[in-house]
Amino acid sequence: MSAPAAPRTVPVSAIPTSAPPMRRRALDWRVRFTALSLIWGFSFLLIKVGTDGYAPFQVTFGRLLAGTAVLAVAMAVRRERLPRSGRTWGHLFVAAFFLNALPFSLFAYAELTIPSTLAGICNATSPLWGMALSLIALSEDRPTRRRVAGLGVGFIGVLTVLGAWQGFSGLDVTGTAMALLASLSYPVGWIYVRRTLAGTGSSTLALTGSQLFLGTMQLALVVPLFTSVPGRFPLLPTLAVVALGALGTGLAVLLQYGLVQEVGPTTAQMVTYFIPVIATAAGVTLLGEQLSWNTPVGALVVLAGAALTQGRVRRAGRRTPSRGPLSRN
């Protein structure tokens, strides 16, 4: 039904369901892969533009509302049925918090004080968090030297991005911590889903649409408590929020599932490694954000570490491909 991407709802690989027979796609998977990379890569720019006109919680609410509308239409066209079990809805409520409401809000608040480029790079740490947490929470995952090395390399990359050798000077600690916490929230939600929602019998589209709906309801309760009704609706921020939801949270999910079904989760999750590159290029080119040498260098190190953690893991005495969460934003 991410990180991380991400950018990013529940990874399809976490919910094994029976898939319908493959049909010939109108667009080659490489075209759709590129579109997904661009959509999630530009999400951080759209968040920054959205927060220029709206409070962070309002940006998240509008994003979830637009994304839910897109998936509701897709569900109606495919005649998908909503989950019927109250237990499933309860687990989806928790998943909506960790995979949508919390990380989306944290990224929106983070970008009040940090560049969109840094937010996009923080999102790329999601596979690192996921690897560390899975070793603790999932008994079937076993550490390997390659994955442990990847975690260490990724940590060095994070320190490089943050400029640790110069005492993190010029860095907004609160905003950066929020972005890193948002990237951590994705694998927490993925592990929860993997442990509670596997084998529900519902399709991944139905589960995701229901999850986004619950996330929207969560924000509908929060927004009136912490924000006031906007006095105006500026055009550019409004369009950014709508695009963020309809494309980055709605259409992107449909593209993600199509790719996983056609080329498998391992290839589909490679989109993770393009998101920070696109986010950085968009922030520098279109928003005029400043970029010091350590930011792109550190980002490359983070991605290298993430790639190592997504290698092969040992399960039950044999080696099989790792199936971590796909990136989400």
C-alpha atoms as a PDB file:
ATOM      1  CA  MET A   1       0.000   0.000   0.000  1.00  0.00           C
ATOM      2  CA  SER A   2       7.624   5.324   1.814  1.00  0.00           C
ATOM      3  CA  ALA A   3      11.555   6.718   1.278  1.00  0.00           C
ATOM      4  CA  PRO A   4      12.938   6.489   0.804  1.00  0.00           C
ATOM      5  CA  ALA A   5      11.443   7.251  -0.705  1.00  0.00           C
ATOM      6  CA  ALA A   6       8.768   8.760  -0.806  1.00  0.00           C
ATOM      7  CA  PRO A   7       8.931   9.940  -2.018  1.00  0.00           C
ATOM      8  CA  ARG A   8       6.409   7.744  -0.535  1.00  0.00           C
ATOM      9  CA  THR A   9       2.660   4.901   1.392  1.00  0.00           C
ATOM     10  CA  VAL A  10       2.990   1.210   2.242  1.00  0.00           C
ATOM     11  CA  PRO A  11       5.403  -0.850   0.096  1.00  0.00           C
ATOM     12  CA  VAL A  12       3.652  -3.325  -2.134  1.00  0.00           C
ATOM     13  CA  SER A  13       6.105  -6.035  -1.145  1.00  0.00           C
ATOM     14  CA  ALA A  14       4.865  -5.828   2.437  1.00  0.00           C
ATOM     15  CA  ILE A  15       1.356  -6.978   1.535  1.00  0.00           C
ATOM     16  CA  PRO A  16       1.300 -10.117  -0.589  1.00  0.00           C
ATOM     17  CA  THR A  17      -1.937 -10.165  -2.569  1.00  0.00           C
ATOM     18  CA  SER A  18      -3.007 -11.980  -5.683  1.00  0.00           C
ATOM     19  CA  ALA A  19      -2.255  -9.838  -8.711  1.00  0.00           C
ATOM     20  CA  PRO A  20      -4.374  -9.852 -11.847  1.00  0.00           C
ATOM     21  CA  PRO A  21      -2.826 -11.081 -15.095  1.00  0.00           C
ATOM     22  CA  MET A  22      -0.372  -8.602 -16.545  1.00  0.00           C
ATOM     23  CA  ARG A  23      -1.647  -6.457 -19.376  1.00  0.00           C
ATOM     24  CA  ARG A  24       0.487  -4.696 -21.919  1.00  0.00           C
ATOM     25  CA  ARG A  25       1.221  -1.193 -20.637  1.00  0.00           C
ATOM     26  CA  ALA A  26       0.605   1.830 -22.845  1.00  0.00           C
ATOM     27  CA  LEU A  27       3.883   3.373 -21.662  1.00  0.00           C
ATOM     28  CA  ASP A  28       7.197   1.585 -21.322  1.00  0.00           C
ATOM     29  CA  TRP A  29       8.158   1.004 -17.675  1.00  0.00           C
ATOM     30  CA  ARG A  30      11.259   3.176 -18.101  1.00  0.00           C
ATOM     31  CA  VAL A  31       9.085   6.154 -19.010  1.00  0.00           C
ATOM     32  CA  ARG A  32       6.916   5.565 -15.942  1.00  0.00           C
ATOM     33  CA  PHE A  33      10.014   5.057 -13.781  1.00  0.00           C
ATOM     34  CA  THR A  34      11.345   8.432 -14.961  1.00  0.00           C
ATOM     35  CA  ALA A  35       7.976  10.091 -14.325  1.00  0.00           C
ATOM     36  CA  LEU A  36       7.856   8.677 -10.799  1.00  0.00           C
ATOM     37  CA  SER A  37      11.399   9.877 -10.080  1.00  0.00           C
ATOM     38  CA  LEU A  38      10.544  13.382 -11.272  1.00  0.00           C
ATOM     39  CA  ILE A  39       7.254  13.531  -9.350  1.00  0.00           C
ATOM     40  CA  TRP A  40       8.821  12.476  -6.057  1.00  0.00           C
ATOM     41  CA  GLY A  41      11.973  14.506  -6.679  1.00  0.00           C
ATOM     42  CA  PHE A  42       9.952  17.700  -7.201  1.00  0.00           C
ATOM     43  CA  SER A  43       7.800  17.008  -4.126  1.00  0.00           C
ATOM     44  CA  PHE A  44      10.229  18.838  -1.856  1.00  0.00           C
ATOM     45  CA  LEU A  45      10.127  21.928  -4.058  1.00  0.00           C
ATOM     46  CA  LEU A  46       6.315  21.801  -4.000  1.00  0.00           C
ATOM     47  CA  ILE A  47       6.333  21.555  -0.199  1.00  0.00           C
ATOM     48  CA  LYS A  48       8.542  24.638   0.004  1.00  0.00           C
ATOM     49  CA  VAL A  49       6.263  26.595  -2.343  1.00  0.00           C
ATOM     50  CA  GLY A  50       3.157  25.399  -0.501  1.00  0.00           C
ATOM     51  CA  THR A  51       4.454  26.568   2.876  1.00  0.00           C
ATOM     52  CA  ASP A  52       4.940  30.051   1.415  1.00  0.00           C
ATOM     53  CA  GLY A  53       1.162  30.480   1.475  1.00  0.00           C
ATOM     54  CA  TYR A  54      -0.152  27.953   4.004  1.00  0.00           C
ATOM     55  CA  ALA A  55       0.668  26.557   7.428  1.00  0.00           C
ATOM     56  CA  PRO A  56       2.475  23.174   7.363  1.00  0.00           C
ATOM     57  CA  PHE A  57      -0.556  21.268   8.671  1.00  0.00           C
ATOM     58  CA  GLN A  58      -2.686  22.870   5.968  1.00  0.00           C
ATOM     59  CA  VAL A  59      -0.200  21.794   3.307  1.00  0.00           C
ATOM     60  CA  THR A  60      -0.343  18.217   4.615  1.00  0.00           C
ATOM     61  CA  PHE A  61      -4.152  18.237   4.782  1.00  0.00           C
ATOM     62  CA  GLY A  62      -4.480  19.549   1.219  1.00  0.00           C
ATOM     63  CA  ARG A  63      -1.925  17.038   0.024  1.00  0.00           C
ATOM     64  CA  LEU A  64      -3.731  14.091   1.600  1.00  0.00           C
ATOM     65  CA  LEU A  65      -7.128  15.314   0.440  1.00  0.00           C
ATOM     66  CA  ALA A  66      -5.989  15.581  -3.192  1.00  0.00           C
ATOM     67  CA  GLY A  67      -4.182  12.239  -3.039  1.00  0.00           C
ATOM     68  CA  THR A  68      -7.210  10.511  -1.547  1.00  0.00           C
ATOM     69  CA  ALA A  69      -9.428  11.939  -4.294  1.00  0.00           C
ATOM     70  CA  VAL A  70      -7.163  10.510  -7.010  1.00  0.00           C
ATOM     71  CA  LEU A  71      -7.130   7.044  -5.425  1.00  0.00           C
ATOM     72  CA  ALA A  72     -10.888   7.166  -4.813  1.00  0.00           C
ATOM     73  CA  VAL A  73     -11.415   7.685  -8.548  1.00  0.00           C
ATOM     74  CA  ALA A  74      -9.009   4.821  -9.338  1.00  0.00           C
ATOM     75  CA  MET A  75     -10.825   2.556  -6.884  1.00  0.00           C
ATOM     76  CA  ALA A  76     -14.202   3.447  -8.389  1.00  0.00           C
ATOM     77  CA  VAL A  77     -12.968   2.768 -11.927  1.00  0.00           C
ATOM     78  CA  ARG A  78     -11.543  -0.622 -10.878  1.00  0.00           C
ATOM     79  CA  ARG A  79     -14.532  -1.361  -8.618  1.00  0.00           C
ATOM     80  CA  GLU A  80     -12.345  -2.015  -5.621  1.00  0.00           C
ATOM     81  CA  ARG A  81     -14.015  -2.860  -2.314  1.00  0.00           C
ATOM     82  CA  LEU A  82     -13.049  -1.223   0.946  1.00  0.00           C
ATOM     83  CA  PRO A  83     -11.730  -3.441   3.748  1.00  0.00           C
ATOM     84  CA  ARG A  84     -14.548  -4.838   5.875  1.00  0.00           C
ATOM     85  CA  SER A  85     -12.656  -5.847   9.009  1.00  0.00           C
ATOM     86  CA  GLY A  86     -12.600  -3.386  11.886  1.00  0.00           C
ATOM     87  CA  ARG A  87      -9.218  -4.785  12.868  1.00  0.00           C
ATOM     88  CA  THR A  88      -7.846  -3.935   9.432  1.00  0.00           C
ATOM     89  CA  TRP A  89      -9.154  -0.374   9.707  1.00  0.00           C
ATOM     90  CA  GLY A  90      -7.507  -0.067  13.102  1.00  0.00           C
ATOM     91  CA  HIS A  91      -4.131  -1.131  11.719  1.00  0.00           C
ATOM     92  CA  LEU A  92      -4.596   1.189   8.737  1.00  0.00           C
ATOM     93  CA  PHE A  93      -5.200   4.080  11.137  1.00  0.00           C
ATOM     94  CA  VAL A  94      -1.795   3.486  12.727  1.00  0.00           C
ATOM     95  CA  ALA A  95      -0.177   3.033   9.294  1.00  0.00           C
ATOM     96  CA  ALA A  96      -1.715   6.306   8.095  1.00  0.00           C
ATOM     97  CA  PHE A  97      -0.107   8.117  11.002  1.00  0.00           C
ATOM     98  CA  PHE A  98       3.414   6.782  10.506  1.00  0.00           C
ATOM     99  CA  LEU A  99       3.398   6.678   6.689  1.00  0.00           C
ATOM    100  CA  ASN A 100       1.412   9.808   5.861  1.00  0.00           C
ATOM    101  CA  ALA A 101       0.239  12.217   8.550  1.00  0.00           C
ATOM    102  CA  LEU A 102       3.446  12.330  10.612  1.00  0.00           C
ATOM    103  CA  PRO A 103       6.180  12.372   7.926  1.00  0.00           C
ATOM    104  CA  PHE A 104       4.267  14.695   5.591  1.00  0.00           C
ATOM    105  CA  SER A 105       3.737  17.176   8.445  1.00  0.00           C
ATOM    106  CA  LEU A 106       7.334  16.919   9.638  1.00  0.00           C
ATOM    107  CA  PHE A 107       8.717  17.610   6.167  1.00  0.00           C
ATOM    108  CA  ALA A 108       6.388  20.597   5.797  1.00  0.00           C
ATOM    109  CA  TYR A 109       7.501  22.040   9.137  1.00  0.00           C
ATOM    110  CA  ALA A 110      11.155  21.265   8.387  1.00  0.00           C
ATOM    111  CA  GLU A 111      11.082  23.209   5.142  1.00  0.00           C
ATOM    112  CA  LEU A 112      10.096  26.358   6.984  1.00  0.00           C
ATOM    113  CA  THR A 113      13.719  26.587   8.097  1.00  0.00           C
ATOM    114  CA  ILE A 114      15.810  24.292   5.889  1.00  0.00           C
ATOM    115  CA  PRO A 115      16.260  24.201   2.080  1.00  0.00           C
ATOM    116  CA  SER A 116      14.241  21.753   0.024  1.00  0.00           C
ATOM    117  CA  THR A 117      17.550  20.255  -1.144  1.00  0.00           C
ATOM    118  CA  LEU A 118      18.456  19.236   2.411  1.00  0.00           C
ATOM    119  CA  ALA A 119      14.961  17.827   2.996  1.00  0.00           C
ATOM    120  CA  GLY A 120      15.288  15.679  -0.123  1.00  0.00           C
ATOM    121  CA  ILE A 121      18.648  14.350   0.999  1.00  0.00           C
ATOM    122  CA  CYS A 122      17.322  13.588   4.499  1.00  0.00           C
ATOM    123  CA  ASN A 123      14.559  11.567   2.830  1.00  0.00           C
ATOM    124  CA  ALA A 124      17.255   9.393   1.231  1.00  0.00           C
ATOM    125  CA  THR A 125      18.268   8.150   4.690  1.00  0.00           C
ATOM    126  CA  SER A 126      14.994   6.194   4.967  1.00  0.00           C
ATOM    127  CA  PRO A 127      16.546   2.896   3.708  1.00  0.00           C
ATOM    128  CA  LEU A 128      19.276   3.269   6.332  1.00  0.00           C
ATOM    129  CA  TRP A 129      16.721   3.649   9.114  1.00  0.00           C
ATOM    130  CA  GLY A 130      14.758   0.769   7.644  1.00  0.00           C
ATOM    131  CA  MET A 131      17.748  -1.549   7.646  1.00  0.00           C
ATOM    132  CA  ALA A 132      18.626  -0.706  11.257  1.00  0.00           C
ATOM    133  CA  LEU A 133      15.053  -1.132  12.486  1.00  0.00           C
ATOM    134  CA  SER A 134      14.414  -4.346  10.558  1.00  0.00           C
ATOM    135  CA  LEU A 135      17.374  -6.010  12.241  1.00  0.00           C
ATOM    136  CA  ILE A 136      15.723  -5.229  15.577  1.00  0.00           C
ATOM    137  CA  ALA A 137      12.042  -5.741  14.809  1.00  0.00           C
ATOM    138  CA  LEU A 138      12.016  -8.442  12.129  1.00  0.00           C
ATOM    139  CA  SER A 139      13.465 -11.731  13.322  1.00  0.00           C
ATOM    140  CA  GLU A 140      13.749 -13.092   9.773  1.00  0.00           C
ATOM    141  CA  ASP A 141      16.255 -10.399   8.813  1.00  0.00           C
ATOM    142  CA  ARG A 142      19.842 -11.219   9.666  1.00  0.00           C
ATOM    143  CA  PRO A 143      22.732  -8.766   9.561  1.00  0.00           C
ATOM    144  CA  THR A 144      25.424  -9.259   6.968  1.00  0.00           C
ATOM    145  CA  ARG A 145      28.769  -7.542   6.697  1.00  0.00           C
ATOM    146  CA  ARG A 146      27.599  -5.750   3.579  1.00  0.00           C
ATOM    147  CA  ARG A 147      24.483  -4.333   5.223  1.00  0.00           C
ATOM    148  CA  VAL A 148      26.312  -3.292   8.384  1.00  0.00           C
ATOM    149  CA  ALA A 149      28.965  -1.626   6.216  1.00  0.00           C
ATOM    150  CA  GLY A 150      26.204   0.154   4.301  1.00  0.00           C
ATOM    151  CA  LEU A 151      24.785   1.499   7.541  1.00  0.00           C
ATOM    152  CA  GLY A 152      28.181   2.819   8.546  1.00  0.00           C
ATOM    153  CA  VAL A 153      28.820   4.397   5.143  1.00  0.00           C
ATOM    154  CA  GLY A 154      25.392   6.004   5.197  1.00  0.00           C
ATOM    155  CA  PHE A 155      26.027   7.463   8.643  1.00  0.00           C
ATOM    156  CA  ILE A 156      29.282   8.995   7.401  1.00  0.00           C
ATOM    157  CA  GLY A 157      27.346  10.471   4.496  1.00  0.00           C
ATOM    158  CA  VAL A 158      24.811  12.066   6.841  1.00  0.00           C
ATOM    159  CA  LEU A 159      27.611  13.633   8.882  1.00  0.00           C
ATOM    160  CA  THR A 160      29.167  14.934   5.658  1.00  0.00           C
ATOM    161  CA  VAL A 161      25.889  16.536   4.529  1.00  0.00           C
ATOM    162  CA  LEU A 162      25.455  18.186   7.932  1.00  0.00           C
ATOM    163  CA  GLY A 163      29.054  19.447   8.041  1.00  0.00           C
ATOM    164  CA  ALA A 164      29.935  17.717  11.321  1.00  0.00           C
ATOM    165  CA  TRP A 165      33.641  18.717  11.145  1.00  0.00           C
ATOM    166  CA  GLN A 166      32.689  22.389  11.396  1.00  0.00           C
ATOM    167  CA  GLY A 167      30.362  21.938  14.331  1.00  0.00           C
ATOM    168  CA  PHE A 168      27.162  21.960  12.226  1.00  0.00           C
ATOM    169  CA  SER A 169      27.535  25.737  11.935  1.00  0.00           C
ATOM    170  CA  GLY A 170      24.829  27.452   9.912  1.00  0.00           C
ATOM    171  CA  LEU A 171      22.577  24.399  10.208  1.00  0.00           C
ATOM    172  CA  ASP A 172      19.056  24.675  11.564  1.00  0.00           C
ATOM    173  CA  VAL A 173      19.091  21.787  14.017  1.00  0.00           C
ATOM    174  CA  THR A 174      15.341  21.678  14.631  1.00  0.00           C
ATOM    175  CA  GLY A 175      14.390  21.660  10.942  1.00  0.00           C
ATOM    176  CA  THR A 176      17.017  19.056  10.088  1.00  0.00           C
ATOM    177  CA  ALA A 177      15.960  16.850  12.993  1.00  0.00           C
ATOM    178  CA  MET A 178      12.346  17.029  11.786  1.00  0.00           C
ATOM    179  CA  ALA A 179      13.357  15.950   8.276  1.00  0.00           C
ATOM    180  CA  LEU A 180      15.407  13.042   9.621  1.00  0.00           C
ATOM    181  CA  LEU A 181      12.557  12.031  11.936  1.00  0.00           C
ATOM    182  CA  ALA A 182      10.201  12.079   8.951  1.00  0.00           C
ATOM    183  CA  SER A 183      12.501   9.707   7.074  1.00  0.00           C
ATOM    184  CA  LEU A 184      12.587   7.452  10.155  1.00  0.00           C
ATOM    185  CA  SER A 185       8.785   7.394  10.327  1.00  0.00           C
ATOM    186  CA  TYR A 186       8.486   5.614   6.967  1.00  0.00           C
ATOM    187  CA  PRO A 187      10.301   2.377   7.917  1.00  0.00           C
ATOM    188  CA  VAL A 188       8.534   2.360  11.302  1.00  0.00           C
ATOM    189  CA  GLY A 189       5.232   2.350   9.436  1.00  0.00           C
ATOM    190  CA  TRP A 190       6.461  -0.213   6.922  1.00  0.00           C
ATOM    191  CA  ILE A 191       7.521  -2.644   9.640  1.00  0.00           C
ATOM    192  CA  TYR A 192       4.182  -2.172  11.385  1.00  0.00           C
ATOM    193  CA  VAL A 193       2.311  -2.917   8.161  1.00  0.00           C
ATOM    194  CA  ARG A 194       4.465  -5.925   7.418  1.00  0.00           C
ATOM    195  CA  ARG A 195       3.691  -7.388  10.844  1.00  0.00           C
ATOM    196  CA  THR A 196      -0.038  -6.595  10.943  1.00  0.00           C
ATOM    197  CA  LEU A 197      -1.576  -6.256   7.471  1.00  0.00           C
ATOM    198  CA  ALA A 198      -0.085  -9.117   5.473  1.00  0.00           C
ATOM    199  CA  GLY A 199      -2.745 -11.485   4.158  1.00  0.00           C
ATOM    200  CA  THR A 200      -5.787  -9.279   4.765  1.00  0.00           C
ATOM    201  CA  GLY A 201      -7.331 -10.298   1.435  1.00  0.00           C
ATOM    202  CA  SER A 202      -7.850  -6.697   0.306  1.00  0.00           C
ATOM    203  CA  SER A 203      -6.051  -5.311  -2.714  1.00  0.00           C
ATOM    204  CA  THR A 204      -3.110  -2.974  -2.220  1.00  0.00           C
ATOM    205  CA  LEU A 205      -5.052  -0.180  -3.954  1.00  0.00           C
ATOM    206  CA  ALA A 206      -8.005  -0.560  -1.580  1.00  0.00           C
ATOM    207  CA  LEU A 207      -5.713  -0.621   1.450  1.00  0.00           C
ATOM    208  CA  THR A 208      -3.790   2.440   0.287  1.00  0.00           C
ATOM    209  CA  GLY A 209      -6.908   4.414  -0.559  1.00  0.00           C
ATOM    210  CA  SER A 210      -8.339   3.601   2.861  1.00  0.00           C
ATOM    211  CA  GLN A 211      -5.056   4.516   4.522  1.00  0.00           C
ATOM    212  CA  LEU A 212      -4.919   7.911   2.816  1.00  0.00           C
ATOM    213  CA  PHE A 213      -8.535   8.559   3.765  1.00  0.00           C
ATOM    214  CA  LEU A 214      -7.719   7.886   7.420  1.00  0.00           C
ATOM    215  CA  GLY A 215      -4.656  10.131   7.178  1.00  0.00           C
ATOM    216  CA  THR A 216      -6.864  12.891   5.781  1.00  0.00           C
ATOM    217  CA  MET A 217      -9.279  12.457   8.696  1.00  0.00           C
ATOM    218  CA  GLN A 218      -6.384  12.696  11.152  1.00  0.00           C
ATOM    219  CA  LEU A 219      -5.289  16.002   9.660  1.00  0.00           C
ATOM    220  CA  ALA A 220      -8.894  17.232   9.498  1.00  0.00           C
ATOM    221  CA  LEU A 221      -8.931  16.958  13.308  1.00  0.00           C
ATOM    222  CA  VAL A 222      -5.528  18.585  13.764  1.00  0.00           C
ATOM    223  CA  VAL A 223      -5.814  21.542  11.367  1.00  0.00           C
ATOM    224  CA  PRO A 224      -8.599  23.432  13.234  1.00  0.00           C
ATOM    225  CA  LEU A 225      -6.706  23.068  16.518  1.00  0.00           C
ATOM    226  CA  PHE A 226      -3.379  24.475  15.352  1.00  0.00           C
ATOM    227  CA  THR A 227      -4.206  26.749  12.408  1.00  0.00           C
ATOM    228  CA  SER A 228      -6.748  29.389  11.468  1.00  0.00           C
ATOM    229  CA  VAL A 229      -8.765  29.563   8.269  1.00  0.00           C
ATOM    230  CA  PRO A 230      -6.611  31.120   5.510  1.00  0.00           C
ATOM    231  CA  GLY A 231      -7.584  34.690   4.737  1.00  0.00           C
ATOM    232  CA  ARG A 232      -6.689  34.166   1.094  1.00  0.00           C
ATOM    233  CA  PHE A 233      -5.751  31.374  -1.286  1.00  0.00           C
ATOM    234  CA  PRO A 234      -2.624  32.440  -3.214  1.00  0.00           C
ATOM    235  CA  LEU A 235      -2.483  30.845  -6.644  1.00  0.00           C
ATOM    236  CA  LEU A 236       1.042  29.401  -6.733  1.00  0.00           C
ATOM    237  CA  PRO A 237       1.043  27.795  -3.248  1.00  0.00           C
ATOM    238  CA  THR A 238      -2.455  26.438  -3.895  1.00  0.00           C
ATOM    239  CA  LEU A 239      -1.390  24.847  -7.168  1.00  0.00           C
ATOM    240  CA  ALA A 240       1.708  23.452  -5.449  1.00  0.00           C
ATOM    241  CA  VAL A 241      -0.361  21.750  -2.729  1.00  0.00           C
ATOM    242  CA  VAL A 242      -2.831  20.316  -5.248  1.00  0.00           C
ATOM    243  CA  ALA A 243       0.011  19.014  -7.442  1.00  0.00           C
ATOM    244  CA  LEU A 244       1.781  17.621  -4.385  1.00  0.00           C
ATOM    245  CA  GLY A 245      -1.289  15.585  -3.500  1.00  0.00           C
ATOM    246  CA  ALA A 246      -2.699  14.652  -6.879  1.00  0.00           C
ATOM    247  CA  LEU A 247       0.688  13.782  -8.388  1.00  0.00           C
ATOM    248  CA  GLY A 248       3.065  13.050  -5.520  1.00  0.00           C
ATOM    249  CA  THR A 249       0.591  11.207  -3.296  1.00  0.00           C
ATOM    250  CA  GLY A 250      -2.050   9.972  -5.748  1.00  0.00           C
ATOM    251  CA  LEU A 251      -0.693   9.327  -9.235  1.00  0.00           C
ATOM    252  CA  ALA A 252       2.724   8.351  -7.878  1.00  0.00           C
ATOM    253  CA  VAL A 253       1.186   5.503  -5.876  1.00  0.00           C
ATOM    254  CA  LEU A 254      -0.476   4.128  -9.008  1.00  0.00           C
ATOM    255  CA  LEU A 255       2.801   4.388 -10.922  1.00  0.00           C
ATOM    256  CA  GLN A 256       4.648   2.717  -8.065  1.00  0.00           C
ATOM    257  CA  TYR A 257       2.325  -0.263  -7.935  1.00  0.00           C
ATOM    258  CA  GLY A 258       2.413  -0.686 -11.687  1.00  0.00           C
ATOM    259  CA  LEU A 259       6.202  -0.745 -11.652  1.00  0.00           C
ATOM    260  CA  VAL A 260       6.385  -3.218  -8.772  1.00  0.00           C
ATOM    261  CA  GLN A 261       3.951  -5.493 -10.562  1.00  0.00           C
ATOM    262  CA  GLU A 262       5.802  -5.296 -13.857  1.00  0.00           C
ATOM    263  CA  VAL A 263       9.506  -5.195 -12.962  1.00  0.00           C
ATOM    264  CA  GLY A 264       9.497  -6.215  -9.286  1.00  0.00           C
ATOM    265  CA  PRO A 265      10.195  -4.312  -6.050  1.00  0.00           C
ATOM    266  CA  THR A 266      13.977  -4.419  -6.371  1.00  0.00           C
ATOM    267  CA  THR A 267      14.021  -2.486  -9.645  1.00  0.00           C
ATOM    268  CA  ALA A 268      11.118  -0.245  -8.652  1.00  0.00           C
ATOM    269  CA  GLN A 269      12.781   0.871  -5.428  1.00  0.00           C
ATOM    270  CA  MET A 270      15.791   2.136  -7.409  1.00  0.00           C
ATOM    271  CA  VAL A 271      13.759   5.328  -7.763  1.00  0.00           C
ATOM    272  CA  THR A 272      15.020   6.063  -4.237  1.00  0.00           C
ATOM    273  CA  TYR A 273      18.438   6.954  -5.599  1.00  0.00           C
ATOM    274  CA  PHE A 274      17.174   9.517  -8.099  1.00  0.00           C
ATOM    275  CA  ILE A 275      14.930  11.475  -5.726  1.00  0.00           C
ATOM    276  CA  PRO A 276      17.652  13.461  -3.874  1.00  0.00           C
ATOM    277  CA  VAL A 277      19.426  14.238  -7.144  1.00  0.00           C
ATOM    278  CA  ILE A 278      16.250  15.673  -8.666  1.00  0.00           C
ATOM    279  CA  ALA A 279      15.292  17.442  -5.435  1.00  0.00           C
ATOM    280  CA  THR A 280      18.709  19.092  -5.284  1.00  0.00           C
ATOM    281  CA  ALA A 281      18.657  20.155  -8.935  1.00  0.00           C
ATOM    282  CA  ALA A 282      15.134  21.575  -8.565  1.00  0.00           C
ATOM    283  CA  GLY A 283      15.956  23.480  -5.374  1.00  0.00           C
ATOM    284  CA  VAL A 284      19.135  25.031  -6.770  1.00  0.00           C
ATOM    285  CA  THR A 285      17.779  25.799 -10.248  1.00  0.00           C
ATOM    286  CA  LEU A 286      14.226  26.933  -9.511  1.00  0.00           C
ATOM    287  CA  LEU A 287      14.406  28.191  -5.934  1.00  0.00           C
ATOM    288  CA  GLY A 288      17.943  29.569  -6.006  1.00  0.00           C
ATOM    289  CA  GLU A 289      19.000  27.588  -2.929  1.00  0.00           C
ATOM    290  CA  GLN A 290      22.694  27.639  -2.064  1.00  0.00           C
ATOM    291  CA  LEU A 291      24.690  24.432  -2.275  1.00  0.00           C
ATOM    292  CA  SER A 292      28.044  23.841  -0.604  1.00  0.00           C
ATOM    293  CA  TRP A 293      30.378  21.082  -1.740  1.00  0.00           C
ATOM    294  CA  ASN A 294      29.637  18.787   1.221  1.00  0.00           C
ATOM    295  CA  THR A 295      25.920  18.543   0.415  1.00  0.00           C
ATOM    296  CA  PRO A 296      26.165  16.681  -2.940  1.00  0.00           C
ATOM    297  CA  VAL A 297      29.226  14.714  -1.803  1.00  0.00           C
ATOM    298  CA  GLY A 298      27.489  13.615   1.380  1.00  0.00           C
ATOM    299  CA  ALA A 299      24.346  12.779  -0.564  1.00  0.00           C
ATOM    300  CA  LEU A 300      26.310  10.439  -2.831  1.00  0.00           C
ATOM    301  CA  VAL A 301      27.815   8.726   0.220  1.00  0.00           C
ATOM    302  CA  VAL A 302      24.343   8.347   1.766  1.00  0.00           C
ATOM    303  CA  LEU A 303      23.026   6.785  -1.436  1.00  0.00           C
ATOM    304  CA  ALA A 304      25.998   4.425  -1.600  1.00  0.00           C
ATOM    305  CA  GLY A 305      25.310   3.307   1.949  1.00  0.00           C
ATOM    306  CA  ALA A 306      21.603   2.884   1.209  1.00  0.00           C
ATOM    307  CA  ALA A 307      22.456   0.767  -1.833  1.00  0.00           C
ATOM    308  CA  LEU A 308      24.608  -1.521   0.301  1.00  0.00           C
ATOM    309  CA  THR A 309      21.834  -1.982   2.874  1.00  0.00           C
ATOM    310  CA  GLN A 310      19.454  -3.056   0.109  1.00  0.00           C
ATOM    311  CA  GLY A 311      21.687  -5.967  -0.832  1.00  0.00           C
ATOM    312  CA  ARG A 312      20.939  -9.608  -0.151  1.00  0.00           C
ATOM    313  CA  VAL A 313      20.001 -10.677   3.358  1.00  0.00           C
ATOM    314  CA  ARG A 314      20.199 -14.055   5.044  1.00  0.00           C
ATOM    315  CA  ARG A 315      16.876 -15.616   5.981  1.00  0.00           C
ATOM    316  CA  ALA A 316      16.353 -19.099   7.394  1.00  0.00           C
ATOM    317  CA  GLY A 317      19.817 -20.195   6.313  1.00  0.00           C
ATOM    318  CA  ARG A 318      19.504 -19.056   2.687  1.00  0.00           C
ATOM    319  CA  ARG A 319      20.060 -15.811   0.839  1.00  0.00           C
ATOM    320  CA  THR A 320      17.206 -13.984  -0.857  1.00  0.00           C
ATOM    321  CA  PRO A 321      16.765 -10.488  -2.213  1.00  0.00           C
ATOM    322  CA  SER A 322      16.005  -7.839   0.365  1.00  0.00           C
ATOM    323  CA  ARG A 323      12.525  -6.375   0.118  1.00  0.00           C
ATOM    324  CA  GLY A 324      12.680  -3.059   1.898  1.00  0.00           C
ATOM    325  CA  PRO A 325      10.217  -0.211   1.644  1.00  0.00           C
ATOM    326  CA  LEU A 326       9.988   1.788  -1.514  1.00  0.00           C
ATOM    327  CA  SER A 327      10.749   5.445  -1.216  1.00  0.00           C
ATOM    328  CA  ARG A 328       7.845   7.815  -0.569  1.00  0.00           C
ATOM    329  CA  ASN A 329       7.405  11.503  -0.081  1.00  0.00           C
END
